Amino acid sequence: MAFWRKKDTKTEADDTSKAALFGNRSNEKSSGGPAAQANPYAVPPPPYQAQAPSYRPPADNDRNALFAGRSQGQGRNMYAQQPPPQQPAPGSSYGRPPPSAGGYGADRELTAEDEEEEDVEAIKQQIRFTKQQSVNSTRNALQVAAAAEETGRNTLARLGQQGERLHNTEKNLDITANHNRVAEEKARELKTLNGSMFAIHVKNPMKSKSRARAEEERILQQHQADREERERTRQAGFQSREAVGRALQGRGSAPGGAKMSLAERSKYQFEADESDEEKEREIDQNLDQLAAITGRLKGLAMATGEEVDRQNTQIDRIMRKSDKVDDQIAITHARIKKIR
């Protein structure tokens, strides 16, 4: 009886150790599926916990520590840097595609004829570009020349207006000189009439006729001098207006040479197509217009210079007449002041 009790006691002790090691597997429902339920010694998966710390049995920690070096070595070997591929040696054909046998898209070596055609085409393009630049240059030059001609015409027209004003000024100075001479004679007569009433004025019959003839001669000479002065003034104004008018109305072209013949033009043409002929005609027309404008500009410049010289001479003449009239007015004024 004591033996069986010892056996029972040993059995109960083993059950207690199993229960402490594996837990009460019979009372707990495994969540690992049918295989976990069939194996009473299987370890169930831990329940999901959001912030619960992980727990590893001592056996798992020992196994990880034992195989840690092997797993890390395998990872390093897996992602280790591979050696670079070897480059083929210069001159060797290893790794290169075979040369093309002249199929579609292959580079073709240019022949001498092809190179000559390319050179000819490049020369053609250069000729077209240069000729277009020549057309543009003639257009710009024609535009600038037209603007210069317009400026010259405006300048000459203003000089003509200034000449008209100078002519009127000189004519008025001539009239002022005549009026001043009349005033001088009247002042002399007033001085005679304002003399004393007791003064006896006896005329000499022998000298009265000669004095009258001398006075008439003086008056006639003065009248002729005044007329000649007026004529000179009028003639100067007429010449100024005539010169300015001719210069402003000048539309003649410059005496240029003959038109360029087709044979001469062909020297500067590589391929005389329609476009090239049109450019050549435009260049010729622009050059002809430039020559005509240049001739008119020369006429305007010469007319402007002559008009400036004429007006300078007229201004000097006006200054002399103005000084003479001023002196006559001063003398007449002094004579009138002496009359008592």
C-alpha atoms as a PDB file:
ATOM      1  CA  MET A   1       0.000   0.000   0.000  1.00  0.00           C
ATOM      2  CA  ALA A   2       2.844   2.213   0.689  1.00  0.00           C
ATOM      3  CA  PHE A   3       4.297   1.532  -2.828  1.00  0.00           C
ATOM      4  CA  TRP A   4       1.189   2.522  -4.655  1.00  0.00           C
ATOM      5  CA  ARG A   5       0.877   5.603  -2.572  1.00  0.00           C
ATOM      6  CA  LYS A   6       4.430   6.580  -3.473  1.00  0.00           C
ATOM      7  CA  LYS A   7       3.643   6.042  -7.132  1.00  0.00           C
ATOM      8  CA  ASP A   8       0.551   8.101  -6.872  1.00  0.00           C
ATOM      9  CA  THR A   9       2.513  10.757  -5.124  1.00  0.00           C
ATOM     10  CA  LYS A  10       5.109  10.742  -7.917  1.00  0.00           C
ATOM     11  CA  THR A  11       2.382  10.945 -10.547  1.00  0.00           C
ATOM     12  CA  GLU A  12       0.779  13.906  -8.833  1.00  0.00           C
ATOM     13  CA  ALA A  13       4.172  15.589  -8.613  1.00  0.00           C
ATOM     14  CA  ASP A  14       4.725  15.126 -12.388  1.00  0.00           C
ATOM     15  CA  ASP A  15       1.291  16.493 -13.148  1.00  0.00           C
ATOM     16  CA  THR A  16       2.016  19.497 -10.991  1.00  0.00           C
ATOM     17  CA  SER A  17       5.315  20.124 -12.840  1.00  0.00           C
ATOM     18  CA  LYS A  18       3.617  19.819 -16.231  1.00  0.00           C
ATOM     19  CA  ALA A  19       0.907  22.159 -15.149  1.00  0.00           C
ATOM     20  CA  ALA A  20       3.485  24.684 -13.964  1.00  0.00           C
ATOM     21  CA  LEU A  21       5.415  24.353 -17.236  1.00  0.00           C
ATOM     22  CA  PHE A  22       2.616  24.154 -19.852  1.00  0.00           C
ATOM     23  CA  GLY A  23      -0.392  25.413 -17.951  1.00  0.00           C
ATOM     24  CA  ASN A  24      -3.825  23.951 -17.920  1.00  0.00           C
ATOM     25  CA  ARG A  25      -4.089  23.030 -21.637  1.00  0.00           C
ATOM     26  CA  SER A  26      -7.226  21.022 -21.193  1.00  0.00           C
ATOM     27  CA  ASN A  27      -9.246  23.878 -19.725  1.00  0.00           C
ATOM     28  CA  GLU A  28      -8.007  26.564 -22.172  1.00  0.00           C
ATOM     29  CA  LYS A  29      -9.271  26.774 -25.729  1.00  0.00           C
ATOM     30  CA  SER A  30      -6.473  27.170 -28.178  1.00  0.00           C
ATOM     31  CA  SER A  31      -6.769  29.828 -30.829  1.00  0.00           C
ATOM     32  CA  GLY A  32      -4.154  28.276 -33.081  1.00  0.00           C
ATOM     33  CA  GLY A  33      -6.566  26.136 -35.108  1.00  0.00           C
ATOM     34  CA  PRO A  34      -7.111  22.447 -35.289  1.00  0.00           C
ATOM     35  CA  ALA A  35      -3.399  21.648 -35.256  1.00  0.00           C
ATOM     36  CA  ALA A  36      -2.832  23.524 -32.050  1.00  0.00           C
ATOM     37  CA  GLN A  37      -5.815  21.835 -30.423  1.00  0.00           C
ATOM     38  CA  ALA A  38      -4.538  18.427 -31.463  1.00  0.00           C
ATOM     39  CA  ASN A  39      -1.090  19.036 -29.948  1.00  0.00           C
ATOM     40  CA  PRO A  40      -1.477  19.597 -26.235  1.00  0.00           C
ATOM     41  CA  TYR A  41       2.170  20.652 -25.957  1.00  0.00           C
ATOM     42  CA  ALA A  42       2.060  23.363 -28.605  1.00  0.00           C
ATOM     43  CA  VAL A  43       2.749  26.935 -27.483  1.00  0.00           C
ATOM     44  CA  PRO A  44      -0.258  29.156 -28.205  1.00  0.00           C
ATOM     45  CA  PRO A  45       0.349  32.559 -29.892  1.00  0.00           C
ATOM     46  CA  PRO A  46       0.388  35.470 -27.464  1.00  0.00           C
ATOM     47  CA  PRO A  47      -2.771  37.549 -27.349  1.00  0.00           C
ATOM     48  CA  TYR A  48      -2.741  40.990 -29.078  1.00  0.00           C
ATOM     49  CA  GLN A  49      -1.789  43.772 -26.703  1.00  0.00           C
ATOM     50  CA  ALA A  50      -1.201  47.347 -27.933  1.00  0.00           C
ATOM     51  CA  GLN A  51       1.448  48.450 -25.407  1.00  0.00           C
ATOM     52  CA  ALA A  52       2.384  45.138 -23.759  1.00  0.00           C
ATOM     53  CA  PRO A  53       6.151  44.418 -23.649  1.00  0.00           C
ATOM     54  CA  SER A  54       7.375  41.414 -25.584  1.00  0.00           C
ATOM     55  CA  TYR A  55       8.314  38.319 -23.633  1.00  0.00           C
ATOM     56  CA  ARG A  56      10.661  35.642 -24.894  1.00  0.00           C
ATOM     57  CA  PRO A  57      11.316  32.372 -23.140  1.00  0.00           C
ATOM     58  CA  PRO A  58      14.912  31.709 -22.166  1.00  0.00           C
ATOM     59  CA  ALA A  59      15.219  29.117 -24.902  1.00  0.00           C
ATOM     60  CA  ASP A  60      14.340  31.614 -27.629  1.00  0.00           C
ATOM     61  CA  ASN A  61      16.887  34.142 -26.325  1.00  0.00           C
ATOM     62  CA  ASP A  62      19.630  31.519 -26.311  1.00  0.00           C
ATOM     63  CA  ARG A  63      18.756  30.435 -29.840  1.00  0.00           C
ATOM     64  CA  ASN A  64      18.838  34.030 -31.136  1.00  0.00           C
ATOM     65  CA  ALA A  65      22.180  34.688 -29.419  1.00  0.00           C
ATOM     66  CA  LEU A  66      23.578  31.483 -30.927  1.00  0.00           C
ATOM     67  CA  PHE A  67      22.520  32.170 -34.544  1.00  0.00           C
ATOM     68  CA  ALA A  68      22.851  36.008 -34.506  1.00  0.00           C
ATOM     69  CA  GLY A  69      26.266  36.041 -36.177  1.00  0.00           C
ATOM     70  CA  ARG A  70      25.157  33.674 -38.925  1.00  0.00           C
ATOM     71  CA  SER A  71      22.050  35.705 -39.816  1.00  0.00           C
ATOM     72  CA  GLN A  72      23.975  38.965 -39.881  1.00  0.00           C
ATOM     73  CA  GLY A  73      26.704  37.461 -42.001  1.00  0.00           C
ATOM     74  CA  GLN A  74      24.162  36.121 -44.453  1.00  0.00           C
ATOM     75  CA  GLY A  75      22.552  39.593 -44.670  1.00  0.00           C
ATOM     76  CA  ARG A  76      25.871  41.223 -45.303  1.00  0.00           C
ATOM     77  CA  ASN A  77      26.761  38.696 -47.970  1.00  0.00           C
ATOM     78  CA  MET A  78      23.372  39.137 -49.609  1.00  0.00           C
ATOM     79  CA  TYR A  79      23.708  42.905 -49.962  1.00  0.00           C
ATOM     80  CA  ALA A  80      27.462  43.089 -50.344  1.00  0.00           C
ATOM     81  CA  GLN A  81      28.762  45.329 -53.156  1.00  0.00           C
ATOM     82  CA  GLN A  82      29.390  43.400 -56.320  1.00  0.00           C
ATOM     83  CA  PRO A  83      32.702  44.010 -58.111  1.00  0.00           C
ATOM     84  CA  PRO A  84      32.424  46.287 -61.166  1.00  0.00           C
ATOM     85  CA  PRO A  85      32.305  44.598 -64.537  1.00  0.00           C
ATOM     86  CA  GLN A  86      35.573  44.489 -66.331  1.00  0.00           C
ATOM     87  CA  GLN A  87      35.947  46.880 -69.254  1.00  0.00           C
ATOM     88  CA  PRO A  88      37.162  45.412 -72.499  1.00  0.00           C
ATOM     89  CA  ALA A  89      40.701  46.231 -73.399  1.00  0.00           C
ATOM     90  CA  PRO A  90      41.285  48.843 -76.102  1.00  0.00           C
ATOM     91  CA  GLY A  91      41.308  47.274 -79.504  1.00  0.00           C
ATOM     92  CA  SER A  92      39.500  44.107 -78.425  1.00  0.00           C
ATOM     93  CA  SER A  93      36.087  43.282 -79.823  1.00  0.00           C
ATOM     94  CA  TYR A  94      34.767  41.681 -76.629  1.00  0.00           C
ATOM     95  CA  GLY A  95      31.418  43.173 -75.544  1.00  0.00           C
ATOM     96  CA  ARG A  96      30.987  45.211 -78.711  1.00  0.00           C
ATOM     97  CA  PRO A  97      28.189  44.753 -81.240  1.00  0.00           C
ATOM     98  CA  PRO A  98      29.273  43.368 -84.568  1.00  0.00           C
ATOM     99  CA  PRO A  99      29.801  45.961 -87.310  1.00  0.00           C
ATOM    100  CA  SER A 100      26.829  46.746 -89.481  1.00  0.00           C
ATOM    101  CA  ALA A 101      26.794  45.332 -92.909  1.00  0.00           C
ATOM    102  CA  GLY A 102      25.370  48.471 -94.568  1.00  0.00           C
ATOM    103  CA  GLY A 103      21.759  47.946 -93.650  1.00  0.00           C
ATOM    104  CA  TYR A 104      19.038  50.528 -93.266  1.00  0.00           C
ATOM    105  CA  GLY A 105      20.062  53.458 -91.012  1.00  0.00           C
ATOM    106  CA  ALA A 106      23.800  52.734 -91.169  1.00  0.00           C
ATOM    107  CA  ASP A 107      26.270  55.618 -91.623  1.00  0.00           C
ATOM    108  CA  ARG A 108      27.363  55.970 -95.221  1.00  0.00           C
ATOM    109  CA  GLU A 109      30.739  57.362 -96.116  1.00  0.00           C
ATOM    110  CA  LEU A 110      30.502  60.528 -98.255  1.00  0.00           C
ATOM    111  CA  THR A 111      32.007  60.386-101.674  1.00  0.00           C
ATOM    112  CA  ALA A 112      33.856  63.198-103.433  1.00  0.00           C
ATOM    113  CA  GLU A 113      30.744  64.099-105.412  1.00  0.00           C
ATOM    114  CA  ASP A 114      28.654  64.323-102.247  1.00  0.00           C
ATOM    115  CA  GLU A 115      31.209  66.592-100.608  1.00  0.00           C
ATOM    116  CA  GLU A 116      31.317  68.772-103.706  1.00  0.00           C
ATOM    117  CA  GLU A 117      27.520  69.040-103.741  1.00  0.00           C
ATOM    118  CA  GLU A 118      27.522  70.036-100.076  1.00  0.00           C
ATOM    119  CA  ASP A 119      30.155  72.716-100.758  1.00  0.00           C
ATOM    120  CA  VAL A 120      28.139  74.043-103.674  1.00  0.00           C
ATOM    121  CA  GLU A 121      24.967  74.156-101.569  1.00  0.00           C
ATOM    122  CA  ALA A 122      26.813  75.998 -98.797  1.00  0.00           C
ATOM    123  CA  ILE A 123      28.078  78.557-101.330  1.00  0.00           C
ATOM    124  CA  LYS A 124      24.538  79.000-102.636  1.00  0.00           C
ATOM    125  CA  GLN A 125      23.224  79.638 -99.151  1.00  0.00           C
ATOM    126  CA  GLN A 126      26.001  82.150 -98.520  1.00  0.00           C
ATOM    127  CA  ILE A 127      25.223  83.960-101.787  1.00  0.00           C
ATOM    128  CA  ARG A 128      21.516  84.138-100.946  1.00  0.00           C
ATOM    129  CA  PHE A 129      22.259  85.415 -97.452  1.00  0.00           C
ATOM    130  CA  THR A 130      24.690  88.060 -98.725  1.00  0.00           C
ATOM    131  CA  LYS A 131      22.289  89.200-101.427  1.00  0.00           C
ATOM    132  CA  GLN A 132      19.437  89.526 -98.926  1.00  0.00           C
ATOM    133  CA  GLN A 133      21.729  91.581 -96.716  1.00  0.00           C
ATOM    134  CA  SER A 134      22.494  93.802 -99.721  1.00  0.00           C
ATOM    135  CA  VAL A 135      18.780  94.333-100.326  1.00  0.00           C
ATOM    136  CA  ASN A 136      18.227  95.248 -96.679  1.00  0.00           C
ATOM    137  CA  SER A 137      21.203  97.621 -96.740  1.00  0.00           C
ATOM    138  CA  THR A 138      19.900  99.450 -99.813  1.00  0.00           C
ATOM    139  CA  ARG A 139      16.469  99.743 -98.201  1.00  0.00           C
ATOM    140  CA  ASN A 140      17.910 101.217 -95.016  1.00  0.00           C
ATOM    141  CA  ALA A 141      20.164 103.582 -96.968  1.00  0.00           C
ATOM    142  CA  LEU A 142      17.214 104.717 -99.071  1.00  0.00           C
ATOM    143  CA  GLN A 143      15.148 105.391 -95.962  1.00  0.00           C
ATOM    144  CA  VAL A 144      17.938 107.402 -94.317  1.00  0.00           C
ATOM    145  CA  ALA A 145      18.568 109.369 -97.517  1.00  0.00           C
ATOM    146  CA  ALA A 146      14.867 110.229 -97.839  1.00  0.00           C
ATOM    147  CA  ALA A 147      14.816 111.476 -94.233  1.00  0.00           C
ATOM    148  CA  ALA A 148      17.935 113.586 -94.889  1.00  0.00           C
ATOM    149  CA  GLU A 149      16.343 115.077 -97.995  1.00  0.00           C
ATOM    150  CA  GLU A 150      13.202 115.979 -96.069  1.00  0.00           C
ATOM    151  CA  THR A 151      15.295 117.653 -93.367  1.00  0.00           C
ATOM    152  CA  GLY A 152      17.220 119.617 -96.000  1.00  0.00           C
ATOM    153  CA  ARG A 153      14.016 120.807 -97.627  1.00  0.00           C
ATOM    154  CA  ASN A 154      12.576 121.958 -94.311  1.00  0.00           C
ATOM    155  CA  THR A 155      15.785 123.831 -93.497  1.00  0.00           C
ATOM    156  CA  LEU A 156      15.857 125.582 -96.861  1.00  0.00           C
ATOM    157  CA  ALA A 157      12.166 126.487 -96.578  1.00  0.00           C
ATOM    158  CA  ARG A 158      12.795 128.120 -93.197  1.00  0.00           C
ATOM    159  CA  LEU A 159      15.724 130.011 -94.660  1.00  0.00           C
ATOM    160  CA  GLY A 160      13.413 131.256 -97.405  1.00  0.00           C
ATOM    161  CA  GLN A 161      10.936 132.527 -94.817  1.00  0.00           C
ATOM    162  CA  GLN A 162      13.762 134.214 -92.945  1.00  0.00           C
ATOM    163  CA  GLY A 163      14.892 135.867 -96.201  1.00  0.00           C
ATOM    164  CA  GLU A 164      11.389 137.269 -96.704  1.00  0.00           C
ATOM    165  CA  ARG A 165      11.478 138.845 -93.244  1.00  0.00           C
ATOM    166  CA  LEU A 166      14.904 140.326 -93.892  1.00  0.00           C
ATOM    167  CA  HIS A 167      13.671 141.748 -97.195  1.00  0.00           C
ATOM    168  CA  ASN A 168      10.710 143.408 -95.481  1.00  0.00           C
ATOM    169  CA  THR A 169      13.018 144.807 -92.800  1.00  0.00           C
ATOM    170  CA  GLU A 170      15.348 146.339 -95.384  1.00  0.00           C
ATOM    171  CA  LYS A 171      12.447 147.818 -97.333  1.00  0.00           C
ATOM    172  CA  ASN A 172      11.050 149.405 -94.172  1.00  0.00           C
ATOM    173  CA  LEU A 173      14.473 150.863 -93.384  1.00  0.00           C
ATOM    174  CA  ASP A 174      14.564 152.491 -96.841  1.00  0.00           C
ATOM    175  CA  ILE A 175      11.144 154.033 -96.224  1.00  0.00           C
ATOM    176  CA  THR A 176      12.292 155.224 -92.797  1.00  0.00           C
ATOM    177  CA  ALA A 177      15.366 156.882 -94.356  1.00  0.00           C
ATOM    178  CA  ASN A 178      13.147 158.762 -96.845  1.00  0.00           C
ATOM    179  CA  HIS A 179      10.821 159.931 -94.093  1.00  0.00           C
ATOM    180  CA  ASN A 180      13.771 161.051 -92.000  1.00  0.00           C
ATOM    181  CA  ARG A 181      15.118 163.108 -94.905  1.00  0.00           C
ATOM    182  CA  VAL A 182      11.756 164.836 -95.300  1.00  0.00           C
ATOM    183  CA  ALA A 183      11.705 165.518 -91.566  1.00  0.00           C
ATOM    184  CA  GLU A 184      15.174 167.058 -91.828  1.00  0.00           C
ATOM    185  CA  GLU A 185      14.018 169.435 -94.583  1.00  0.00           C
ATOM    186  CA  LYS A 186      10.932 170.404 -92.631  1.00  0.00           C
ATOM    187  CA  ALA A 187      13.021 171.077 -89.531  1.00  0.00           C
ATOM    188  CA  ARG A 188      15.294 173.356 -91.568  1.00  0.00           C
ATOM    189  CA  GLU A 189      12.265 175.207 -92.962  1.00  0.00           C
ATOM    190  CA  LEU A 190      10.743 175.510 -89.497  1.00  0.00           C
ATOM    191  CA  LYS A 191      13.929 177.065 -88.199  1.00  0.00           C
ATOM    192  CA  THR A 192      13.817 179.664 -90.969  1.00  0.00           C
ATOM    193  CA  LEU A 193      10.156 180.496 -90.366  1.00  0.00           C
ATOM    194  CA  ASN A 194      10.678 180.728 -86.620  1.00  0.00           C
ATOM    195  CA  GLY A 195      13.236 183.528 -86.973  1.00  0.00           C
ATOM    196  CA  SER A 196      12.764 187.075 -85.798  1.00  0.00           C
ATOM    197  CA  MET A 197       9.972 189.041 -87.383  1.00  0.00           C
ATOM    198  CA  PHE A 198      12.337 191.933 -87.856  1.00  0.00           C
ATOM    199  CA  ALA A 199      14.709 189.919 -89.983  1.00  0.00           C
ATOM    200  CA  ILE A 200      14.664 191.022 -93.611  1.00  0.00           C
ATOM    201  CA  HIS A 201      14.795 188.261 -96.184  1.00  0.00           C
ATOM    202  CA  VAL A 202      15.753 189.689 -99.519  1.00  0.00           C
ATOM    203  CA  LYS A 203      16.222 187.277-102.382  1.00  0.00           C
ATOM    204  CA  ASN A 204      18.915 187.850-104.922  1.00  0.00           C
ATOM    205  CA  PRO A 205      17.323 187.612-108.381  1.00  0.00           C
ATOM    206  CA  MET A 206      20.660 186.635-109.921  1.00  0.00           C
ATOM    207  CA  LYS A 207      21.110 183.603-107.717  1.00  0.00           C
ATOM    208  CA  SER A 208      17.538 182.484-107.277  1.00  0.00           C
ATOM    209  CA  LYS A 209      17.428 180.654-110.582  1.00  0.00           C
ATOM    210  CA  SER A 210      20.731 178.884-110.074  1.00  0.00           C
ATOM    211  CA  ARG A 211      19.762 177.954-106.512  1.00  0.00           C
ATOM    212  CA  ALA A 212      16.451 176.575-107.744  1.00  0.00           C
ATOM    213  CA  ARG A 213      18.192 174.472-110.392  1.00  0.00           C
ATOM    214  CA  ALA A 214      20.639 173.139-107.823  1.00  0.00           C
ATOM    215  CA  GLU A 215      17.799 172.225-105.487  1.00  0.00           C
ATOM    216  CA  GLU A 216      15.942 170.466-108.262  1.00  0.00           C
ATOM    217  CA  GLU A 217      19.088 168.597-109.221  1.00  0.00           C
ATOM    218  CA  ARG A 218      19.631 167.504-105.628  1.00  0.00           C
ATOM    219  CA  ILE A 219      16.043 166.337-105.291  1.00  0.00           C
ATOM    220  CA  LEU A 220      16.277 164.406-108.559  1.00  0.00           C
ATOM    221  CA  GLN A 221      19.509 162.697-107.563  1.00  0.00           C
ATOM    222  CA  GLN A 222      18.080 161.764-104.203  1.00  0.00           C
ATOM    223  CA  HIS A 223      14.971 160.386-105.812  1.00  0.00           C
ATOM    224  CA  GLN A 224      17.033 158.322-108.247  1.00  0.00           C
ATOM    225  CA  ALA A 225      19.229 157.031-105.436  1.00  0.00           C
ATOM    226  CA  ASP A 226      16.184 156.014-103.429  1.00  0.00           C
ATOM    227  CA  ARG A 227      14.696 154.254-106.427  1.00  0.00           C
ATOM    228  CA  GLU A 228      17.897 152.371-107.122  1.00  0.00           C
ATOM    229  CA  GLU A 229      18.080 151.335-103.478  1.00  0.00           C
ATOM    230  CA  ARG A 230      14.540 150.058-103.555  1.00  0.00           C
ATOM    231  CA  GLU A 231      15.291 148.181-106.764  1.00  0.00           C
ATOM    232  CA  ARG A 232      18.354 146.540-105.243  1.00  0.00           C
ATOM    233  CA  THR A 233      16.344 145.534-102.215  1.00  0.00           C
ATOM    234  CA  ARG A 234      13.582 144.115-104.360  1.00  0.00           C
ATOM    235  CA  GLN A 235      16.053 142.306-106.624  1.00  0.00           C
ATOM    236  CA  ALA A 236      17.807 140.715-103.641  1.00  0.00           C
ATOM    237  CA  GLY A 237      14.495 139.446-102.284  1.00  0.00           C
ATOM    238  CA  PHE A 238      13.476 138.109-105.702  1.00  0.00           C
ATOM    239  CA  GLN A 239      16.758 136.260-106.201  1.00  0.00           C
ATOM    240  CA  SER A 240      16.477 134.722-102.755  1.00  0.00           C
ATOM    241  CA  ARG A 241      12.953 133.475-103.393  1.00  0.00           C
ATOM    242  CA  GLU A 242      13.885 132.194-106.842  1.00  0.00           C
ATOM    243  CA  ALA A 243      16.896 130.224-105.616  1.00  0.00           C
ATOM    244  CA  VAL A 244      14.968 128.681-102.739  1.00  0.00           C
ATOM    245  CA  GLY A 245      12.071 127.773-105.023  1.00  0.00           C
ATOM    246  CA  ARG A 246      14.317 126.058-107.583  1.00  0.00           C
ATOM    247  CA  ALA A 247      16.060 124.069-104.886  1.00  0.00           C
ATOM    248  CA  LEU A 248      12.799 122.977-103.279  1.00  0.00           C
ATOM    249  CA  GLN A 249      11.202 121.980-106.583  1.00  0.00           C
ATOM    250  CA  GLY A 250      14.212 120.054-107.830  1.00  0.00           C
ATOM    251  CA  ARG A 251      13.143 116.494-108.703  1.00  0.00           C
ATOM    252  CA  GLY A 252      15.755 115.589-111.272  1.00  0.00           C
ATOM    253  CA  SER A 253      17.818 112.446-110.950  1.00  0.00           C
ATOM    254  CA  ALA A 254      21.559 112.413-110.784  1.00  0.00           C
ATOM    255  CA  PRO A 255      23.372 111.809-114.093  1.00  0.00           C
ATOM    256  CA  GLY A 256      24.285 108.187-113.467  1.00  0.00           C
ATOM    257  CA  GLY A 257      25.624 105.552-115.807  1.00  0.00           C
ATOM    258  CA  ALA A 258      23.690 103.178-118.002  1.00  0.00           C
ATOM    259  CA  LYS A 259      21.695 100.286-116.666  1.00  0.00           C
ATOM    260  CA  MET A 260      23.630  97.135-115.908  1.00  0.00           C
ATOM    261  CA  SER A 261      23.207  94.629-118.695  1.00  0.00           C
ATOM    262  CA  LEU A 262      22.197  91.039-118.169  1.00  0.00           C
ATOM    263  CA  ALA A 263      25.697  89.841-118.994  1.00  0.00           C
ATOM    264  CA  GLU A 264      27.229  92.099-116.362  1.00  0.00           C
ATOM    265  CA  ARG A 265      24.571  91.135-113.847  1.00  0.00           C
ATOM    266  CA  SER A 266      25.192  87.432-114.442  1.00  0.00           C
ATOM    267  CA  LYS A 267      28.690  87.863-112.994  1.00  0.00           C
ATOM    268  CA  TYR A 268      27.150  88.265-109.558  1.00  0.00           C
ATOM    269  CA  GLN A 269      24.540  85.514-109.931  1.00  0.00           C
ATOM    270  CA  PHE A 270      25.026  81.816-109.236  1.00  0.00           C
ATOM    271  CA  GLU A 271      21.567  80.610-110.223  1.00  0.00           C
ATOM    272  CA  ALA A 272      19.465  83.232-111.992  1.00  0.00           C
ATOM    273  CA  ASP A 273      16.048  82.156-110.748  1.00  0.00           C
ATOM    274  CA  GLU A 274      13.004  84.412-110.365  1.00  0.00           C
ATOM    275  CA  SER A 275      13.722  85.257-106.735  1.00  0.00           C
ATOM    276  CA  ASP A 276      17.309  86.177-107.523  1.00  0.00           C
ATOM    277  CA  GLU A 277      16.231  88.337-110.463  1.00  0.00           C
ATOM    278  CA  GLU A 278      13.718  90.158-108.267  1.00  0.00           C
ATOM    279  CA  LYS A 279      16.392  90.912-105.674  1.00  0.00           C
ATOM    280  CA  GLU A 280      18.761  92.169-108.357  1.00  0.00           C
ATOM    281  CA  ARG A 281      16.078  94.468-109.784  1.00  0.00           C
ATOM    282  CA  GLU A 282      15.278  95.824-106.327  1.00  0.00           C
ATOM    283  CA  ILE A 283      18.955  96.478-105.636  1.00  0.00           C
ATOM    284  CA  ASP A 284      19.299  98.346-108.959  1.00  0.00           C
ATOM    285  CA  GLN A 285      16.178 100.417-108.321  1.00  0.00           C
ATOM    286  CA  ASN A 286      17.273 101.310-104.799  1.00  0.00           C
ATOM    287  CA  LEU A 287      20.710 102.326-106.031  1.00  0.00           C
ATOM    288  CA  ASP A 288      19.161 104.507-108.752  1.00  0.00           C
ATOM    289  CA  GLN A 289      16.908 106.187-106.201  1.00  0.00           C
ATOM    290  CA  LEU A 290      19.877 106.690-103.890  1.00  0.00           C
ATOM    291  CA  ALA A 291      21.794 108.348-106.729  1.00  0.00           C
ATOM    292  CA  ALA A 292      18.842 110.643-107.469  1.00  0.00           C
ATOM    293  CA  ILE A 293      18.400 111.572-103.805  1.00  0.00           C
ATOM    294  CA  THR A 294      22.126 112.201-103.503  1.00  0.00           C
ATOM    295  CA  GLY A 295      21.955 114.627-106.430  1.00  0.00           C
ATOM    296  CA  ARG A 296      19.007 116.455-104.895  1.00  0.00           C
ATOM    297  CA  LEU A 297      20.767 116.584-101.535  1.00  0.00           C
ATOM    298  CA  LYS A 298      23.752 118.180-103.244  1.00  0.00           C
ATOM    299  CA  GLY A 299      21.480 120.797-104.830  1.00  0.00           C
ATOM    300  CA  LEU A 300      19.793 121.476-101.486  1.00  0.00           C
ATOM    301  CA  ALA A 301      23.140 121.831 -99.760  1.00  0.00           C
ATOM    302  CA  MET A 302      24.459 124.252-102.377  1.00  0.00           C
ATOM    303  CA  ALA A 303      21.252 126.298-102.332  1.00  0.00           C
ATOM    304  CA  THR A 304      21.321 126.408 -98.535  1.00  0.00           C
ATOM    305  CA  GLY A 305      24.922 127.619 -98.524  1.00  0.00           C
ATOM    306  CA  GLU A 306      24.198 130.308-101.131  1.00  0.00           C
ATOM    307  CA  GLU A 307      21.107 131.461 -99.251  1.00  0.00           C
ATOM    308  CA  VAL A 308      23.028 131.702 -95.990  1.00  0.00           C
ATOM    309  CA  ASP A 309      25.751 133.791 -97.690  1.00  0.00           C
ATOM    310  CA  ARG A 310      23.127 136.026 -99.324  1.00  0.00           C
ATOM    311  CA  GLN A 311      21.334 136.584 -96.041  1.00  0.00           C
ATOM    312  CA  ASN A 312      24.597 137.345 -94.254  1.00  0.00           C
ATOM    313  CA  THR A 313      25.325 140.046 -96.863  1.00  0.00           C
ATOM    314  CA  GLN A 314      21.783 141.369 -96.506  1.00  0.00           C
ATOM    315  CA  ILE A 315      22.093 141.496 -92.725  1.00  0.00           C
ATOM    316  CA  ASP A 316      25.298 143.557 -93.052  1.00  0.00           C
ATOM    317  CA  ARG A 317      23.506 145.941 -95.431  1.00  0.00           C
ATOM    318  CA  ILE A 318      20.574 146.245 -93.033  1.00  0.00           C
ATOM    319  CA  MET A 319      22.949 147.089 -90.196  1.00  0.00           C
ATOM    320  CA  ARG A 320      24.579 149.896 -92.242  1.00  0.00           C
ATOM    321  CA  LYS A 321      21.202 151.333 -93.213  1.00  0.00           C
ATOM    322  CA  SER A 322      19.960 151.088 -89.654  1.00  0.00           C
ATOM    323  CA  ASP A 323      23.016 152.994 -88.359  1.00  0.00           C
ATOM    324  CA  LYS A 324      22.566 155.688 -91.027  1.00  0.00           C
ATOM    325  CA  VAL A 325      18.872 156.160 -90.203  1.00  0.00           C
ATOM    326  CA  ASP A 326      19.676 156.319 -86.499  1.00  0.00           C
ATOM    327  CA  ASP A 327      22.289 159.045 -87.101  1.00  0.00           C
ATOM    328  CA  GLN A 328      19.858 161.080 -89.241  1.00  0.00           C
ATOM    329  CA  ILE A 329      17.160 160.844 -86.594  1.00  0.00           C
ATOM    330  CA  ALA A 330      19.591 162.038 -83.906  1.00  0.00           C
ATOM    331  CA  ILE A 331      20.670 165.063 -86.001  1.00  0.00           C
ATOM    332  CA  THR A 332      17.080 166.033 -86.851  1.00  0.00           C
ATOM    333  CA  HIS A 333      16.065 165.733 -83.222  1.00  0.00           C
ATOM    334  CA  ALA A 334      18.951 167.986 -82.156  1.00  0.00           C
ATOM    335  CA  ARG A 335      17.984 170.618 -84.763  1.00  0.00           C
ATOM    336  CA  ILE A 336      14.366 170.640 -83.641  1.00  0.00           C
ATOM    337  CA  LYS A 337      15.428 171.133 -80.016  1.00  0.00           C
ATOM    338  CA  LYS A 338      17.386 174.267 -81.004  1.00  0.00           C
ATOM    339  CA  ILE A 339      14.345 175.929 -82.502  1.00  0.00           C
ATOM    340  CA  ARG A 340      13.036 178.501 -80.024  1.00  0.00           C
END
